[in-house]
N, C-alpha and C. Protein backbone atom coordinates (compact mmCIF):
# COMPACT_ATOMS: atom_id res chain seq x y z
N UNK A 1 135.04 103.72 97.76
CA UNK A 1 134.01 102.96 98.46
C UNK A 1 133.10 102.28 97.43
N UNK A 2 132.76 101.06 97.72
CA UNK A 2 131.91 100.31 96.81
C UNK A 2 130.45 100.78 96.92
N UNK A 3 129.75 100.68 95.78
CA UNK A 3 128.34 101.01 95.85
C UNK A 3 127.55 99.77 96.24
N UNK A 4 126.28 99.94 96.50
CA UNK A 4 125.45 98.85 96.99
C UNK A 4 125.40 97.67 96.03
N UNK A 5 125.28 97.92 94.75
CA UNK A 5 125.21 96.83 93.78
C UNK A 5 126.50 96.01 93.74
N UNK A 6 127.63 96.68 93.90
CA UNK A 6 128.90 95.96 93.92
C UNK A 6 128.98 95.06 95.15
N UNK A 7 128.53 95.56 96.27
CA UNK A 7 128.55 94.77 97.50
C UNK A 7 127.61 93.57 97.38
N UNK A 8 126.41 93.79 96.84
CA UNK A 8 125.47 92.69 96.64
C UNK A 8 126.07 91.61 95.74
N UNK A 9 126.70 92.02 94.68
CA UNK A 9 127.31 91.07 93.75
C UNK A 9 128.41 90.26 94.44
N UNK A 10 129.25 90.93 95.22
CA UNK A 10 130.30 90.22 95.94
C UNK A 10 129.71 89.22 96.92
N UNK A 11 128.66 89.59 97.62
CA UNK A 11 128.01 88.67 98.56
C UNK A 11 127.42 87.46 97.84
N UNK A 12 126.77 87.70 96.73
CA UNK A 12 126.19 86.60 95.94
C UNK A 12 127.29 85.65 95.49
N UNK A 13 128.39 86.20 95.01
CA UNK A 13 129.50 85.36 94.55
C UNK A 13 130.07 84.53 95.70
N UNK A 14 130.16 85.10 96.88
CA UNK A 14 130.67 84.37 98.04
C UNK A 14 129.70 83.27 98.46
N UNK A 15 128.42 83.59 98.45
CA UNK A 15 127.40 82.60 98.84
C UNK A 15 127.42 81.42 97.88
N UNK A 16 127.57 81.68 96.59
CA UNK A 16 127.60 80.61 95.59
C UNK A 16 128.73 79.63 95.87
N UNK A 17 129.85 80.11 96.41
CA UNK A 17 131.01 79.24 96.66
C UNK A 17 130.88 78.42 97.95
N UNK A 18 129.88 78.72 98.78
CA UNK A 18 129.72 78.00 100.05
C UNK A 18 129.08 76.63 99.80
N UNK A 19 129.71 75.58 100.32
CA UNK A 19 129.20 74.22 100.16
C UNK A 19 128.71 73.62 101.49
N UNK A 20 128.74 74.40 102.54
CA UNK A 20 128.32 73.92 103.86
C UNK A 20 126.85 74.30 104.08
N UNK A 21 125.99 73.29 104.16
CA UNK A 21 124.55 73.53 104.30
C UNK A 21 124.23 74.30 105.59
N UNK A 22 124.98 74.04 106.66
CA UNK A 22 124.73 74.73 107.93
C UNK A 22 124.95 76.24 107.78
N UNK A 23 126.00 76.59 107.09
CA UNK A 23 126.30 78.01 106.88
C UNK A 23 125.22 78.64 106.00
N UNK A 24 124.83 77.94 104.94
CA UNK A 24 123.78 78.46 104.06
C UNK A 24 122.46 78.64 104.81
N UNK A 25 122.13 77.70 105.68
CA UNK A 25 120.90 77.82 106.47
C UNK A 25 120.98 78.99 107.44
N UNK A 26 122.16 79.22 108.02
CA UNK A 26 122.35 80.37 108.91
C UNK A 26 122.19 81.69 108.15
N UNK A 27 122.73 81.74 106.94
CA UNK A 27 122.58 82.95 106.12
C UNK A 27 121.11 83.17 105.80
N UNK A 28 120.44 82.11 105.43
CA UNK A 28 119.01 82.21 105.12
C UNK A 28 118.22 82.67 106.35
N UNK A 29 118.56 82.12 107.50
CA UNK A 29 117.89 82.50 108.75
C UNK A 29 118.12 83.99 109.04
N UNK A 30 119.34 84.43 108.87
CA UNK A 30 119.67 85.84 109.12
C UNK A 30 118.87 86.75 108.19
N UNK A 31 118.82 86.41 106.91
CA UNK A 31 118.09 87.23 105.94
C UNK A 31 116.60 87.23 106.26
N UNK A 32 116.05 86.07 106.64
CA UNK A 32 114.63 85.98 106.99
C UNK A 32 114.33 86.86 108.20
N UNK A 33 115.18 86.81 109.22
CA UNK A 33 114.98 87.65 110.41
C UNK A 33 115.08 89.13 110.04
N UNK A 34 116.02 89.46 109.18
CA UNK A 34 116.16 90.86 108.73
C UNK A 34 114.90 91.31 108.01
N UNK A 35 114.36 90.45 107.13
CA UNK A 35 113.15 90.80 106.40
C UNK A 35 111.97 91.00 107.35
N UNK A 36 111.86 90.14 108.34
CA UNK A 36 110.77 90.28 109.32
C UNK A 36 110.91 91.59 110.08
N UNK A 37 112.12 91.91 110.48
CA UNK A 37 112.36 93.12 111.26
C UNK A 37 112.09 94.39 110.45
N UNK A 38 112.37 94.34 109.17
CA UNK A 38 112.22 95.55 108.36
C UNK A 38 110.85 95.69 107.73
N UNK A 39 110.08 94.61 107.67
CA UNK A 39 108.76 94.71 107.05
C UNK A 39 107.62 94.72 108.05
N UNK A 40 107.89 94.38 109.30
CA UNK A 40 106.83 94.32 110.30
C UNK A 40 106.39 95.74 110.63
N UNK A 41 105.11 95.98 110.57
CA UNK A 41 104.56 97.30 110.85
C UNK A 41 103.42 97.14 111.84
N UNK A 42 103.67 97.48 113.09
CA UNK A 42 102.67 97.27 114.13
C UNK A 42 101.39 98.05 113.85
N UNK A 43 101.48 99.19 113.18
CA UNK A 43 100.29 99.99 112.91
C UNK A 43 99.35 99.29 111.94
N UNK A 44 99.87 98.47 111.04
CA UNK A 44 99.01 97.81 110.07
C UNK A 44 98.37 96.53 110.62
N UNK A 45 98.78 96.12 111.81
CA UNK A 45 98.21 94.92 112.40
C UNK A 45 96.91 95.25 113.13
N UNK A 46 96.15 94.22 113.48
CA UNK A 46 94.86 94.46 114.13
C UNK A 46 95.04 95.05 115.52
N UNK A 47 93.95 95.56 116.09
CA UNK A 47 94.05 96.26 117.38
C UNK A 47 94.46 95.35 118.52
N UNK A 48 94.28 94.04 118.40
CA UNK A 48 94.68 93.13 119.47
C UNK A 48 96.16 93.26 119.78
N UNK A 49 96.99 93.43 118.76
CA UNK A 49 98.42 93.57 119.01
C UNK A 49 98.72 94.91 119.68
N UNK A 50 97.96 95.96 119.36
CA UNK A 50 98.16 97.23 120.05
C UNK A 50 97.95 97.03 121.55
N UNK A 51 96.88 96.34 121.87
CA UNK A 51 96.52 96.19 123.27
C UNK A 51 97.43 95.21 124.00
N UNK A 52 98.01 94.26 123.29
CA UNK A 52 98.88 93.30 123.95
C UNK A 52 100.29 93.84 124.15
N UNK A 53 100.77 94.68 123.25
CA UNK A 53 102.12 95.22 123.34
C UNK A 53 102.15 96.54 124.11
N UNK A 54 101.25 97.41 123.74
CA UNK A 54 101.17 98.74 124.35
C UNK A 54 99.70 98.97 124.67
N UNK A 55 99.43 99.47 125.83
CA UNK A 55 98.04 99.68 126.22
C UNK A 55 97.59 101.09 125.82
N UNK A 56 97.00 101.19 124.61
CA UNK A 56 96.49 102.45 124.11
C UNK A 56 95.08 102.68 124.63
N UNK A 57 94.75 103.94 124.78
CA UNK A 57 93.37 104.28 125.12
C UNK A 57 92.52 104.16 123.85
N UNK A 58 91.21 104.16 124.01
CA UNK A 58 90.33 104.10 122.85
C UNK A 58 90.55 105.31 121.94
N UNK A 59 90.79 106.47 122.53
CA UNK A 59 91.04 107.68 121.73
C UNK A 59 92.33 107.53 120.92
N UNK A 60 93.36 106.96 121.51
CA UNK A 60 94.62 106.74 120.79
C UNK A 60 94.42 105.75 119.65
N UNK A 61 93.67 104.68 119.91
CA UNK A 61 93.38 103.71 118.85
C UNK A 61 92.62 104.36 117.71
N UNK A 62 91.68 105.23 118.05
CA UNK A 62 90.91 105.95 117.03
C UNK A 62 91.86 106.82 116.19
N UNK A 63 92.78 107.50 116.85
CA UNK A 63 93.73 108.36 116.13
C UNK A 63 94.64 107.54 115.23
N UNK A 64 95.05 106.36 115.68
CA UNK A 64 95.89 105.49 114.86
C UNK A 64 95.13 105.04 113.62
N UNK A 65 93.88 104.65 113.81
CA UNK A 65 93.05 104.23 112.66
C UNK A 65 92.87 105.39 111.67
N UNK A 66 92.66 106.60 112.19
CA UNK A 66 92.52 107.76 111.31
C UNK A 66 93.83 108.00 110.55
N UNK A 67 94.95 107.84 111.22
CA UNK A 67 96.25 108.02 110.56
C UNK A 67 96.45 106.97 109.47
N UNK A 68 96.05 105.73 109.75
CA UNK A 68 96.15 104.68 108.74
C UNK A 68 95.31 105.03 107.51
N UNK A 69 94.11 105.56 107.75
CA UNK A 69 93.23 105.97 106.65
C UNK A 69 93.88 107.09 105.84
N UNK A 70 94.48 108.05 106.54
CA UNK A 70 95.18 109.14 105.84
C UNK A 70 96.28 108.60 104.94
N UNK A 71 97.04 107.65 105.45
CA UNK A 71 98.13 107.06 104.67
C UNK A 71 97.56 106.35 103.44
N UNK A 72 96.51 105.55 103.66
CA UNK A 72 95.90 104.83 102.54
C UNK A 72 95.35 105.79 101.49
N UNK A 73 94.85 106.94 101.93
CA UNK A 73 94.27 107.92 101.00
C UNK A 73 95.31 108.88 100.43
N UNK A 74 96.56 108.73 100.85
CA UNK A 74 97.62 109.60 100.34
C UNK A 74 97.63 110.98 100.97
N UNK A 75 96.99 111.13 102.11
CA UNK A 75 96.92 112.42 102.81
C UNK A 75 98.10 112.56 103.78
N UNK A 76 99.29 112.74 103.23
CA UNK A 76 100.48 112.90 104.05
C UNK A 76 101.55 113.60 103.23
N UNK A 77 102.58 114.10 103.92
CA UNK A 77 103.72 114.72 103.27
C UNK A 77 104.93 113.82 103.46
N UNK A 78 105.78 113.77 102.45
CA UNK A 78 107.03 113.03 102.59
C UNK A 78 108.00 113.86 103.42
N UNK A 79 109.04 113.21 103.91
CA UNK A 79 110.06 113.91 104.68
C UNK A 79 110.66 115.05 103.86
N UNK A 80 110.90 114.79 102.60
CA UNK A 80 111.48 115.81 101.72
C UNK A 80 110.53 117.01 101.59
N UNK A 81 109.24 116.76 101.42
CA UNK A 81 108.26 117.85 101.31
C UNK A 81 108.23 118.69 102.58
N UNK A 82 108.27 118.03 103.73
CA UNK A 82 108.23 118.75 105.00
C UNK A 82 109.50 119.57 105.17
N UNK A 83 110.64 119.02 104.78
CA UNK A 83 111.89 119.78 104.89
C UNK A 83 111.83 121.04 104.02
N UNK A 84 111.29 120.91 102.79
CA UNK A 84 111.18 122.08 101.91
C UNK A 84 110.22 123.12 102.50
N UNK A 85 109.11 122.67 103.04
CA UNK A 85 108.14 123.60 103.65
C UNK A 85 108.77 124.30 104.85
N UNK A 86 109.57 123.56 105.63
CA UNK A 86 110.21 124.14 106.81
C UNK A 86 111.25 125.17 106.38
N UNK A 87 112.01 124.86 105.34
CA UNK A 87 113.00 125.81 104.84
C UNK A 87 112.31 127.11 104.38
N UNK A 88 111.19 126.98 103.68
CA UNK A 88 110.45 128.16 103.22
C UNK A 88 109.93 128.96 104.42
N UNK A 89 109.43 128.25 105.41
CA UNK A 89 108.85 128.91 106.58
C UNK A 89 109.90 129.67 107.37
N UNK A 90 111.12 129.10 107.42
CA UNK A 90 112.20 129.72 108.19
C UNK A 90 112.87 130.88 107.48
N UNK A 91 112.59 131.09 106.20
CA UNK A 91 113.21 132.21 105.47
C UNK A 91 112.73 133.54 105.96
């Protein structure tokens, strides 16, 4: 099985050989949509989007803001840390 870098290199080589602008624009569009989908974070957006997409109570909005502050201050555990703590607890 190929590793990620090998796959990326093969894709780049294939893209370089494409001379059809429509295909290149479609590839660019796909990558842009992928980037939007993977980088969009509803929690980091202002409260107006919370209220327009999901109707949170004021208490829920307060809790979200507190969670954002915790993340900014580094007050959280990684998935790996939680798994290790759980393993220790279950022993």
